[in-house]
Amino acid sequence: MLALSQVIDPDFRVDVVNLGFINEIDLNDQDLCTVNMTLTVLGCPIMGTLEEMVVNALDVLDGVEQVKIEYRLKPAWSVERLSPYAKAMLGLS
């Protein structure tokens, strides 16, 4: 998660971990890192940008040869997924 905490959403200016976008991360025996994410809306206009940023953040880690992004649509993202830090940064606390 530490590597993904460096991935800052260009719209919210908060990292994807604190925004509650990351559901699960798995690294298998073939060095494939699968990241399951939820975004604020289906078809998010910066989806491709975030995906590229996540891949770049993980691709440089030892033991990671390939990164695969999967999206979870249910349950839908909501402000309840925000960490206290993200709420404070977005003025929601």
N, C-alpha and C. Protein backbone atom coordinates (compact mmCIF):
# COMPACT_ATOMS: atom_id res chain seq x y z
N MET A 1 0.82 -1.20 0.00
CA MET A 1 0.00 0.00 0.00
C MET A 1 0.86 1.26 0.00
N LEU A 2 2.06 1.16 0.55
CA LEU A 2 2.91 2.35 0.63
C LEU A 2 3.18 2.92 -0.76
N ALA A 3 3.47 2.06 -1.73
CA ALA A 3 3.74 2.54 -3.08
C ALA A 3 2.52 3.24 -3.66
N LEU A 4 1.32 2.72 -3.37
CA LEU A 4 0.10 3.32 -3.91
C LEU A 4 -0.29 4.60 -3.18
N SER A 5 0.22 4.79 -1.98
CA SER A 5 -0.07 6.03 -1.27
C SER A 5 0.66 7.21 -1.92
N GLN A 6 1.53 6.92 -2.87
CA GLN A 6 2.23 7.96 -3.62
C GLN A 6 1.49 8.33 -4.91
N VAL A 7 0.43 7.60 -5.22
CA VAL A 7 -0.36 7.86 -6.44
C VAL A 7 -1.46 8.86 -6.08
N ILE A 8 -1.28 10.08 -6.55
CA ILE A 8 -2.18 11.18 -6.22
C ILE A 8 -3.21 11.37 -7.34
N ASP A 9 -4.48 11.31 -6.97
CA ASP A 9 -5.55 11.56 -7.93
C ASP A 9 -5.46 13.02 -8.39
N PRO A 10 -5.35 13.26 -9.70
CA PRO A 10 -5.20 14.63 -10.19
C PRO A 10 -6.39 15.54 -9.91
N ASP A 11 -7.57 14.97 -9.75
CA ASP A 11 -8.75 15.79 -9.47
C ASP A 11 -8.87 16.14 -8.00
N PHE A 12 -8.70 15.14 -7.14
CA PHE A 12 -8.90 15.35 -5.71
C PHE A 12 -7.64 15.79 -4.97
N ARG A 13 -6.47 15.54 -5.57
CA ARG A 13 -5.19 15.89 -4.96
C ARG A 13 -4.94 15.13 -3.65
N VAL A 14 -5.50 13.92 -3.58
CA VAL A 14 -5.32 13.01 -2.46
C VAL A 14 -4.97 11.65 -3.06
N ASP A 15 -4.19 10.86 -2.33
CA ASP A 15 -3.76 9.57 -2.86
C ASP A 15 -4.91 8.56 -2.94
N VAL A 16 -4.73 7.59 -3.83
CA VAL A 16 -5.78 6.62 -4.11
C VAL A 16 -6.10 5.71 -2.93
N VAL A 17 -5.15 5.53 -2.03
CA VAL A 17 -5.40 4.71 -0.83
C VAL A 17 -6.34 5.44 0.11
N ASN A 18 -6.04 6.70 0.43
CA ASN A 18 -6.88 7.47 1.34
C ASN A 18 -8.24 7.81 0.73
N LEU A 19 -8.32 7.82 -0.59
CA LEU A 19 -9.61 8.05 -1.24
C LEU A 19 -10.49 6.80 -1.20
N GLY A 20 -9.91 5.68 -0.80
CA GLY A 20 -10.69 4.45 -0.71
C GLY A 20 -10.89 3.76 -2.05
N PHE A 21 -10.00 4.01 -2.98
CA PHE A 21 -10.11 3.40 -4.31
C PHE A 21 -9.56 1.97 -4.34
N ILE A 22 -8.65 1.64 -3.43
CA ILE A 22 -7.99 0.34 -3.46
C ILE A 22 -8.75 -0.65 -2.58
N ASN A 23 -9.24 -1.71 -3.19
CA ASN A 23 -9.96 -2.75 -2.47
C ASN A 23 -9.03 -3.87 -2.03
N GLU A 24 -8.19 -4.30 -2.93
CA GLU A 24 -7.37 -5.48 -2.67
C GLU A 24 -6.14 -5.46 -3.57
N ILE A 25 -5.04 -5.98 -3.05
CA ILE A 25 -3.81 -6.14 -3.83
C ILE A 25 -3.33 -7.56 -3.62
N ASP A 26 -2.97 -8.22 -4.70
CA ASP A 26 -2.49 -9.60 -4.61
C ASP A 26 -1.26 -9.76 -5.49
N LEU A 27 -0.24 -10.41 -4.96
CA LEU A 27 0.95 -10.74 -5.73
C LEU A 27 1.05 -12.26 -5.76
N ASN A 28 0.96 -12.84 -6.97
CA ASN A 28 0.97 -14.31 -7.06
C ASN A 28 2.39 -14.84 -7.26
N ASP A 29 2.50 -16.15 -7.39
CA ASP A 29 3.80 -16.81 -7.53
C ASP A 29 4.51 -16.50 -8.84
N GLN A 30 3.77 -16.01 -9.81
CA GLN A 30 4.37 -15.64 -11.10
C GLN A 30 4.72 -14.15 -11.16
N ASP A 31 4.75 -13.50 -10.01
CA ASP A 31 5.09 -12.08 -9.89
C ASP A 31 4.09 -11.15 -10.58
N LEU A 32 2.85 -11.62 -10.68
CA LEU A 32 1.77 -10.79 -11.21
C LEU A 32 1.08 -10.12 -10.03
N CYS A 33 1.06 -8.80 -10.05
CA CYS A 33 0.40 -8.02 -9.02
C CYS A 33 -0.96 -7.58 -9.56
N THR A 34 -2.02 -8.04 -8.91
CA THR A 34 -3.37 -7.68 -9.31
C THR A 34 -3.92 -6.68 -8.30
N VAL A 35 -4.40 -5.56 -8.80
CA VAL A 35 -4.97 -4.52 -7.96
C VAL A 35 -6.45 -4.40 -8.29
N ASN A 36 -7.28 -4.55 -7.27
CA ASN A 36 -8.71 -4.39 -7.44
C ASN A 36 -9.09 -3.00 -6.94
N MET A 37 -9.69 -2.21 -7.82
CA MET A 37 -10.00 -0.81 -7.51
C MET A 37 -11.47 -0.51 -7.72
N THR A 38 -11.94 0.51 -7.02
CA THR A 38 -13.25 1.11 -7.23
C THR A 38 -13.01 2.59 -7.47
N LEU A 39 -13.61 3.15 -8.49
CA LEU A 39 -13.48 4.58 -8.75
C LEU A 39 -14.78 5.28 -8.39
N THR A 40 -14.74 6.60 -8.37
CA THR A 40 -15.91 7.36 -7.95
C THR A 40 -17.10 7.15 -8.87
N VAL A 41 -16.85 7.03 -10.16
CA VAL A 41 -17.92 6.80 -11.13
C VAL A 41 -17.44 5.86 -12.23
N LEU A 42 -18.35 5.08 -12.75
CA LEU A 42 -18.03 4.23 -13.89
C LEU A 42 -17.72 5.13 -15.08
N GLY A 43 -16.65 4.85 -15.77
CA GLY A 43 -16.27 5.68 -16.90
C GLY A 43 -15.59 6.96 -16.48
N CYS A 44 -14.98 6.96 -15.32
CA CYS A 44 -14.26 8.13 -14.80
C CYS A 44 -13.31 8.65 -15.89
N PRO A 45 -13.34 9.96 -16.18
CA PRO A 45 -12.53 10.49 -17.27
C PRO A 45 -11.02 10.34 -17.06
N ILE A 46 -10.59 10.19 -15.82
CA ILE A 46 -9.15 10.01 -15.58
C ILE A 46 -8.79 8.57 -15.26
N MET A 47 -9.70 7.65 -15.55
CA MET A 47 -9.48 6.24 -15.26
C MET A 47 -8.17 5.73 -15.87
N GLY A 48 -7.93 6.05 -17.11
CA GLY A 48 -6.70 5.62 -17.79
C GLY A 48 -5.46 6.20 -17.15
N THR A 49 -5.54 7.46 -16.75
CA THR A 49 -4.42 8.12 -16.09
C THR A 49 -4.12 7.47 -14.75
N LEU A 50 -5.16 7.23 -13.94
CA LEU A 50 -4.96 6.58 -12.65
C LEU A 50 -4.41 5.18 -12.82
N GLU A 51 -4.93 4.45 -13.79
CA GLU A 51 -4.44 3.10 -14.05
C GLU A 51 -2.95 3.12 -14.37
N GLU A 52 -2.55 4.03 -15.23
CA GLU A 52 -1.14 4.14 -15.60
C GLU A 52 -0.28 4.50 -14.39
N MET A 53 -0.77 5.40 -13.56
CA MET A 53 -0.03 5.81 -12.37
C MET A 53 0.12 4.65 -11.38
N VAL A 54 -0.92 3.86 -11.20
CA VAL A 54 -0.87 2.70 -10.31
C VAL A 54 0.12 1.67 -10.85
N VAL A 55 0.03 1.37 -12.14
CA VAL A 55 0.96 0.42 -12.76
C VAL A 55 2.39 0.90 -12.58
N ASN A 56 2.65 2.17 -12.85
CA ASN A 56 4.01 2.71 -12.73
C ASN A 56 4.53 2.64 -11.30
N ALA A 57 3.66 2.86 -10.33
CA ALA A 57 4.07 2.83 -8.92
C ALA A 57 4.44 1.42 -8.47
N LEU A 58 3.76 0.43 -9.01
CA LEU A 58 3.99 -0.96 -8.58
C LEU A 58 5.03 -1.68 -9.42
N ASP A 59 5.13 -1.30 -10.67
CA ASP A 59 6.01 -1.97 -11.63
C ASP A 59 7.48 -1.92 -11.22
N VAL A 60 7.87 -0.93 -10.46
CA VAL A 60 9.27 -0.76 -10.07
C VAL A 60 9.64 -1.54 -8.81
N LEU A 61 8.65 -2.14 -8.16
CA LEU A 61 8.92 -2.87 -6.92
C LEU A 61 9.56 -4.22 -7.19
N ASP A 62 10.47 -4.62 -6.31
CA ASP A 62 11.08 -5.94 -6.42
C ASP A 62 10.00 -7.01 -6.32
N GLY A 63 10.09 -7.99 -7.19
CA GLY A 63 9.14 -9.10 -7.16
C GLY A 63 7.89 -8.87 -7.98
N VAL A 64 7.76 -7.70 -8.58
CA VAL A 64 6.60 -7.41 -9.42
C VAL A 64 7.07 -7.35 -10.87
N GLU A 65 6.58 -8.30 -11.66
CA GLU A 65 6.94 -8.35 -13.08
C GLU A 65 5.84 -7.78 -13.97
N GLN A 66 4.60 -7.89 -13.50
CA GLN A 66 3.46 -7.42 -14.29
C GLN A 66 2.39 -6.94 -13.33
N VAL A 67 1.64 -5.91 -13.76
CA VAL A 67 0.55 -5.37 -12.95
C VAL A 67 -0.73 -5.44 -13.75
N LYS A 68 -1.76 -5.93 -13.10
CA LYS A 68 -3.08 -6.03 -13.73
C LYS A 68 -4.07 -5.27 -12.85
N ILE A 69 -4.87 -4.40 -13.47
CA ILE A 69 -5.87 -3.63 -12.75
C ILE A 69 -7.24 -4.24 -13.03
N GLU A 70 -7.99 -4.50 -11.97
CA GLU A 70 -9.38 -4.95 -12.09
C GLU A 70 -10.25 -3.91 -11.39
N TYR A 71 -11.45 -3.71 -11.89
CA TYR A 71 -12.36 -2.73 -11.30
C TYR A 71 -13.56 -3.42 -10.70
N ARG A 72 -13.90 -2.98 -9.51
CA ARG A 72 -15.09 -3.49 -8.82
C ARG A 72 -16.14 -2.37 -8.87
N LEU A 73 -17.31 -2.73 -9.33
CA LEU A 73 -18.38 -1.74 -9.46
C LEU A 73 -19.35 -1.78 -8.28
N LYS A 74 -19.38 -2.91 -7.58
CA LYS A 74 -20.29 -3.04 -6.44
C LYS A 74 -19.50 -3.55 -5.25
N PRO A 75 -19.62 -2.96 -4.11
CA PRO A 75 -20.46 -1.79 -3.87
C PRO A 75 -19.84 -0.55 -4.51
N ALA A 76 -20.68 0.38 -4.87
CA ALA A 76 -20.22 1.62 -5.49
C ALA A 76 -19.39 2.44 -4.49
N TRP A 77 -18.50 3.24 -5.00
CA TRP A 77 -17.71 4.12 -4.15
C TRP A 77 -18.63 5.16 -3.52
N SER A 78 -18.34 5.53 -2.29
CA SER A 78 -19.07 6.60 -1.61
C SER A 78 -18.11 7.31 -0.67
N VAL A 79 -18.51 8.45 -0.15
CA VAL A 79 -17.64 9.23 0.74
C VAL A 79 -17.30 8.47 2.01
N GLU A 80 -18.08 7.46 2.37
CA GLU A 80 -17.77 6.65 3.54
C GLU A 80 -16.44 5.92 3.39
N ARG A 81 -15.99 5.75 2.15
CA ARG A 81 -14.72 5.06 1.90
C ARG A 81 -13.51 5.96 2.15
N LEU A 82 -13.73 7.27 2.27
CA LEU A 82 -12.63 8.20 2.50
C LEU A 82 -12.04 8.00 3.89
N SER A 83 -10.71 8.07 3.97
CA SER A 83 -10.05 8.02 5.27
C SER A 83 -10.27 9.37 5.97
N PRO A 84 -10.04 9.43 7.28
CA PRO A 84 -10.13 10.71 7.97
C PRO A 84 -9.21 11.77 7.35
N TYR A 85 -8.03 11.35 6.91
CA TYR A 85 -7.08 12.26 6.25
C TYR A 85 -7.71 12.85 4.98
N ALA A 86 -8.28 11.98 4.13
CA ALA A 86 -8.88 12.44 2.88
C ALA A 86 -10.05 13.37 3.16
N LYS A 87 -10.86 13.04 4.17
CA LYS A 87 -11.98 13.91 4.52
C LYS A 87 -11.49 15.29 4.92
N ALA A 88 -10.43 15.32 5.71
CA ALA A 88 -9.87 16.61 6.14
C ALA A 88 -9.32 17.38 4.94
N MET A 89 -8.61 16.70 4.06
CA MET A 89 -8.03 17.35 2.88
C MET A 89 -9.11 17.89 1.93
N LEU A 90 -10.24 17.22 1.91
CA LEU A 90 -11.33 17.64 1.02
C LEU A 90 -12.36 18.54 1.72
N GLY A 91 -12.07 18.87 2.98
CA GLY A 91 -12.97 19.76 3.73
C GLY A 91 -14.27 19.10 4.14
N LEU A 92 -14.25 17.78 4.35
CA LEU A 92 -15.45 17.04 4.69
C LEU A 92 -15.47 16.57 6.15
N SER A 93 -14.51 16.99 6.93
CA SER A 93 -14.48 16.51 8.32
C SER A 93 -15.16 17.47 9.26
